[in-house]
């Protein structure tokens, strides 16, 4: 598909605005720290089209995600910073309720047509096999909702955040084959902020504009290539008998190219 100069300019402006809005962005795929000793110097890396991801949720969604851009900084003083851009497309929906389909996009930590995520962590206890860290993630995702009557805009932004504690452990390691298996757990508090107008349009006024809850994440990573994540989340400040109070589970498979 070719873009003329005017369309290209509009697209570029939109992308820049999104990135500026999303620079403080709920979560990305968790980055593990593979170093065993204290870093002797800081490092910075930039990577494009790095990871392919497939996700399955309890709300009957199957989606594919591409990690399009990763900027990562690791300080010798035990601080980790990362900015990531994801793009997600749903390939199968087993749920026929529009509000729950949109809610699945909201609760997918790497979901949204475009998702910008800022993540930082600080190591508080580290030895040869274990690493314990405080972690904070902030982000913004652009969600495409169901078609609305009278050709109204059917997309909206979700601002989200996550604050928690990470425990990482090396389960197995073989220097001869250069292979390793890692485990992590990440319990956290989560927040979502959606405008009042979009709350009414997409969630039948059942979701608070500032929603909060909790998340429980567990994962395994093999050889720094294959990553399997199980994450469960629940919004707490919503009607217990409503559609959005249920515990939402998601299984994520990621492969690093």
Protein backbone atom coordinates (compact mmCIF):
# COMPACT_ATOMS: atom_id res chain seq x y z
CA UNK A 1 0.00 0.00 0.00
CA UNK A 2 1.44 3.39 -1.00
CA UNK A 3 0.95 6.55 1.01
CA UNK A 4 0.90 10.00 -0.59
CA UNK A 5 2.82 12.83 1.08
CA UNK A 6 -0.23 14.16 2.93
CA UNK A 7 -1.22 10.73 4.32
CA UNK A 8 2.35 9.97 5.32
CA UNK A 9 2.56 13.28 7.19
CA UNK A 10 -0.69 12.58 9.05
CA UNK A 11 0.52 9.09 10.00
CA UNK A 12 3.88 10.44 11.19
CA UNK A 13 2.21 13.11 13.32
CA UNK A 14 -0.13 10.54 14.88
CA UNK A 15 2.75 8.18 15.68
CA UNK A 16 4.83 10.93 17.29
CA UNK A 17 1.87 12.14 19.38
CA UNK A 18 1.13 8.60 20.50
CA UNK A 19 4.70 7.97 21.56
CA UNK A 20 4.86 11.21 23.48
CA UNK A 21 1.59 10.41 25.25
CA UNK A 22 2.69 6.84 25.89
CA UNK A 23 6.15 7.58 27.18
CA UNK A 24 4.81 6.95 30.64
CA UNK A 25 2.94 3.78 30.07
CA UNK A 26 0.44 -1.78 32.63
CA UNK A 27 2.89 -3.93 31.29
CA UNK A 28 5.13 -5.52 28.88
CA UNK A 29 6.60 -8.99 28.71
CA UNK A 30 8.79 -9.17 31.79
CA UNK A 31 12.51 -8.77 31.11
CA UNK A 32 14.70 -11.08 33.16
CA UNK A 33 18.17 -10.25 34.43
CA UNK A 34 20.59 -13.03 33.42
CA UNK A 35 23.69 -11.61 35.10
CA UNK A 36 24.90 -13.33 38.26
CA UNK A 37 27.36 -10.73 39.50
CA UNK A 38 27.21 -6.99 39.92
CA UNK A 39 27.44 -5.15 36.61
CA UNK A 40 30.78 -3.48 36.02
CA UNK A 41 29.32 -0.97 33.57
CA UNK A 42 25.97 0.27 32.31
CA UNK A 43 24.55 -0.86 28.97
CA UNK A 44 22.00 0.38 26.42
CA UNK A 45 20.36 -1.61 23.62
CA UNK A 46 17.83 -0.83 20.87
CA UNK A 47 16.08 -3.67 18.98
CA UNK A 48 13.42 -3.89 16.25
CA UNK A 49 10.88 -6.67 15.59
CA UNK A 50 12.30 -8.73 18.41
CA UNK A 51 9.56 -11.06 19.72
CA UNK A 52 6.50 -12.83 18.30
CA UNK A 53 3.70 -13.56 20.78
CA UNK A 54 0.48 -15.62 20.87
CA UNK A 55 -2.04 -15.10 23.67
CA UNK A 56 -5.18 -16.97 24.79
CA UNK A 57 -7.57 -15.52 27.37
CA UNK A 58 -10.42 -16.75 29.54
CA UNK A 59 -12.64 -14.24 27.69
CA UNK A 60 -12.26 -16.50 24.63
CA UNK A 61 -9.80 -14.43 22.65
CA UNK A 62 -6.83 -15.65 20.64
CA UNK A 63 -4.47 -12.90 19.51
CA UNK A 64 -1.05 -12.37 17.99
CA UNK A 65 1.36 -9.63 19.05
CA UNK A 66 4.61 -8.29 17.69
CA UNK A 67 7.14 -6.53 19.88
CA UNK A 68 8.10 -3.89 17.35
CA UNK A 69 10.61 -1.80 19.29
CA UNK A 70 12.57 -2.27 22.50
CA UNK A 71 14.84 0.32 24.12
CA UNK A 72 16.62 -1.05 27.18
CA UNK A 73 19.03 0.49 29.69
CA UNK A 74 20.70 -1.46 32.50
CA UNK A 75 22.59 0.52 35.10
CA UNK A 76 25.57 -0.81 37.03
CA UNK A 77 23.70 0.51 40.08
CA UNK A 78 21.00 -2.22 39.73
CA UNK A 79 18.38 -0.13 37.91
CA UNK A 80 16.66 -1.39 34.75
CA UNK A 81 14.70 0.86 32.35
CA UNK A 82 12.86 -0.21 29.19
CA UNK A 83 10.47 1.29 26.66
CA UNK A 84 8.56 -1.10 24.38
CA UNK A 85 6.04 -0.73 21.56
CA UNK A 86 3.65 -3.60 20.80
CA UNK A 87 1.03 -4.15 18.12
CA UNK A 88 -1.75 -6.73 18.67
CA UNK A 89 -4.41 -8.24 16.42
CA UNK A 90 -7.18 -10.61 17.51
CA UNK A 91 -7.48 -13.63 15.22
CA UNK A 92 -10.41 -15.38 16.95
CA UNK A 93 -13.22 -14.22 19.25
CA UNK A 94 -15.38 -16.82 20.93
CA UNK A 95 -17.28 -14.18 22.87
CA UNK A 96 -20.23 -12.45 21.16
CA UNK A 97 -20.63 -9.70 23.77
CA UNK A 98 -19.01 -6.51 22.46
CA UNK A 99 -18.39 -5.07 25.92
CA UNK A 100 -16.48 -8.16 27.06
CA UNK A 101 -14.46 -8.24 23.84
CA UNK A 102 -13.39 -4.65 24.46
CA UNK A 103 -12.70 -5.48 28.10
CA UNK A 104 -10.34 -8.23 26.94
CA UNK A 105 -8.31 -5.64 25.03
CA UNK A 106 -8.21 -3.52 28.16
CA UNK A 107 -7.02 -6.39 30.37
CA UNK A 108 -4.42 -7.70 27.94
CA UNK A 109 -1.13 -6.29 29.29
CA UNK A 110 0.37 -6.17 25.79
CA UNK A 111 -2.94 -5.63 23.98
CA UNK A 112 -4.25 -2.77 21.89
CA UNK A 113 -3.73 -1.90 18.25
CA UNK A 114 -0.68 0.02 19.46
CA UNK A 115 0.69 -0.22 23.00
CA UNK A 116 3.54 1.86 24.42
CA UNK A 117 5.00 0.70 27.75
CA UNK A 118 7.63 2.12 30.10
CA UNK A 119 9.04 -0.33 32.67
CA UNK A 120 11.54 0.13 35.46
CA UNK A 121 12.84 -2.15 38.20
CA UNK A 122 15.39 -1.98 40.99
CA UNK A 123 17.16 -5.04 42.36
CA UNK A 124 17.08 -5.26 46.17
CA UNK A 125 18.53 -8.74 46.72
CA UNK A 126 20.59 -10.72 44.22
CA UNK A 127 22.74 -13.83 44.35
CA UNK A 128 23.82 -16.56 41.96
CA UNK A 129 20.38 -18.17 41.64
CA UNK A 130 17.83 -15.62 42.90
CA UNK A 131 16.95 -12.01 42.17
CA UNK A 132 14.32 -9.91 43.96
CA UNK A 133 13.20 -6.56 42.56
CA UNK A 134 10.67 -3.76 42.96
CA UNK A 135 9.00 -2.97 39.61
CA UNK A 136 6.86 -0.20 38.14
CA UNK A 137 5.21 -0.11 34.72
CA UNK A 138 3.25 2.78 33.17
CA UNK A 139 1.70 2.89 29.73
CA UNK A 140 -0.87 3.85 27.15
CA UNK A 141 -2.66 1.65 24.62
CA UNK A 142 -4.83 2.55 21.64
CA UNK A 143 -7.84 0.21 21.58
CA UNK A 144 -10.16 -0.33 18.63
CA UNK A 145 -13.65 -1.04 19.97
CA UNK A 146 -16.74 -2.37 18.16
CA UNK A 147 -18.38 -0.24 15.43
CA UNK A 148 -20.61 2.52 16.82
CA UNK A 149 -23.80 3.95 15.25
CA UNK A 150 -23.69 7.07 13.09
CA UNK A 151 -20.03 6.42 12.22
CA UNK A 152 -18.83 7.61 15.61
CA UNK A 153 -15.20 7.12 16.55
CA UNK A 154 -14.86 3.55 17.86
CA UNK A 155 -11.32 3.79 19.25
CA UNK A 156 -10.09 5.09 22.59
CA UNK A 157 -7.02 5.28 24.82
CA UNK A 158 -6.40 3.35 28.03
CA UNK A 159 -3.80 4.65 30.49
CA UNK A 160 -2.55 1.95 32.81
CA UNK A 161 -0.05 1.21 35.53
CA UNK A 162 1.39 -1.61 37.59
CA UNK A 163 3.39 -1.66 40.81
CA UNK A 164 4.72 -4.84 42.33
CA UNK A 165 7.47 -7.17 43.44
CA UNK A 166 9.38 -9.61 41.23
CA UNK A 167 11.00 -12.84 42.32
CA UNK A 168 13.27 -14.52 39.75
CA UNK A 169 15.07 -17.85 40.14
CA UNK A 170 17.37 -19.92 37.94
CA UNK A 171 15.92 -23.45 37.98
CA UNK A 172 18.51 -25.16 35.79
CA UNK A 173 21.63 -24.22 33.89
CA UNK A 174 24.04 -26.20 31.70
CA UNK A 175 27.20 -24.42 30.62
CA UNK A 176 28.13 -27.23 28.17
CA UNK A 177 24.97 -26.77 26.09
CA UNK A 178 24.62 -23.07 26.95
CA UNK A 179 21.05 -23.63 28.13
CA UNK A 180 19.10 -22.39 31.15
CA UNK A 181 15.60 -22.42 32.60
CA UNK A 182 14.27 -19.47 34.62
CA UNK A 183 11.16 -18.97 36.75
CA UNK A 184 9.58 -15.73 37.92
CA UNK A 185 6.61 -14.54 39.97
CA UNK A 186 5.22 -11.01 39.80
CA UNK A 187 2.32 -10.08 42.13
CA UNK A 188 1.23 -6.49 41.63
CA UNK A 189 -1.40 -3.78 41.95
CA UNK A 190 -2.91 -2.52 38.67
CA UNK A 191 -4.76 0.62 37.58
CA UNK A 192 -6.63 1.61 34.41
CA UNK A 193 -7.89 5.05 33.44
CA UNK A 194 -10.48 5.55 30.69
CA UNK A 195 -12.41 8.76 30.03
CA UNK A 196 -15.98 9.04 31.30
CA UNK A 197 -17.31 9.28 27.75
CA UNK A 198 -15.60 6.08 26.66
CA UNK A 199 -16.67 4.31 29.84
CA UNK A 200 -20.28 4.95 28.81
CA UNK A 201 -19.79 4.11 25.12
CA UNK A 202 -17.82 0.89 25.48
CA UNK A 203 -18.55 -0.48 28.96
CA UNK A 204 -22.23 0.37 29.58
CA UNK A 205 -21.20 2.75 32.36
CA UNK A 206 -20.23 -0.26 34.52
CA UNK A 207 -16.51 0.45 34.65
CA UNK A 208 -15.13 3.21 36.85
CA UNK A 209 -13.05 5.82 34.93
CA UNK A 210 -10.22 5.06 37.37
CA UNK A 211 -10.27 1.29 37.93
CA UNK A 212 -7.91 -0.59 40.20
CA UNK A 213 -7.25 -4.21 41.11
CA UNK A 214 -4.52 -6.80 41.28
CA UNK A 215 -2.52 -9.10 39.02
CA UNK A 216 -0.71 -12.39 39.62
CA UNK A 217 1.90 -13.36 37.05
CA UNK A 218 4.02 -16.52 36.80
CA UNK A 219 6.37 -17.50 34.04
CA UNK A 220 9.06 -19.78 32.66
CA UNK A 221 11.77 -18.84 30.19
CA UNK A 222 14.04 -21.29 28.38
CA UNK A 223 17.34 -20.27 26.81
CA UNK A 224 16.33 -16.58 26.68
CA UNK A 225 14.26 -17.54 23.60
CA UNK A 226 11.01 -19.22 24.62
CA UNK A 227 8.86 -17.55 27.26
CA UNK A 228 5.56 -18.84 28.72
CA UNK A 229 3.55 -16.50 30.96
CA UNK A 230 0.35 -17.10 32.94
CA UNK A 231 -1.25 -13.92 34.26
CA UNK A 232 -4.52 -13.42 36.13
CA UNK A 233 -6.12 -10.04 36.84
CA UNK A 234 -9.22 -8.70 38.52
CA UNK A 235 -10.76 -5.24 38.80
CA UNK A 236 -11.94 -4.63 42.37
CA UNK A 237 -13.89 -1.34 42.28
CA UNK A 238 -16.72 -2.49 40.02
CA UNK A 239 -20.14 -4.04 40.55
CA UNK A 240 -19.52 -7.59 41.92
CA UNK A 241 -22.50 -8.86 39.93
CA UNK A 242 -21.50 -7.05 36.74
CA UNK A 243 -19.69 -8.22 33.62
CA UNK A 244 -16.31 -6.77 34.55
CA UNK A 245 -15.76 -8.16 38.05
CA UNK A 246 -14.59 -11.63 36.99
CA UNK A 247 -11.03 -12.87 37.27
CA UNK A 248 -9.45 -12.73 33.78
CA UNK A 249 -6.69 -15.25 32.99
CA UNK A 250 -4.34 -15.11 30.02
CA UNK A 251 -1.74 -17.58 28.76
CA UNK A 252 1.03 -15.99 26.67
CA UNK A 253 3.65 -17.71 24.52
CA UNK A 254 6.55 -15.57 23.32
CA UNK A 255 9.49 -16.43 21.06
CA UNK A 256 12.46 -14.13 20.66
CA UNK A 257 13.87 -14.01 17.14
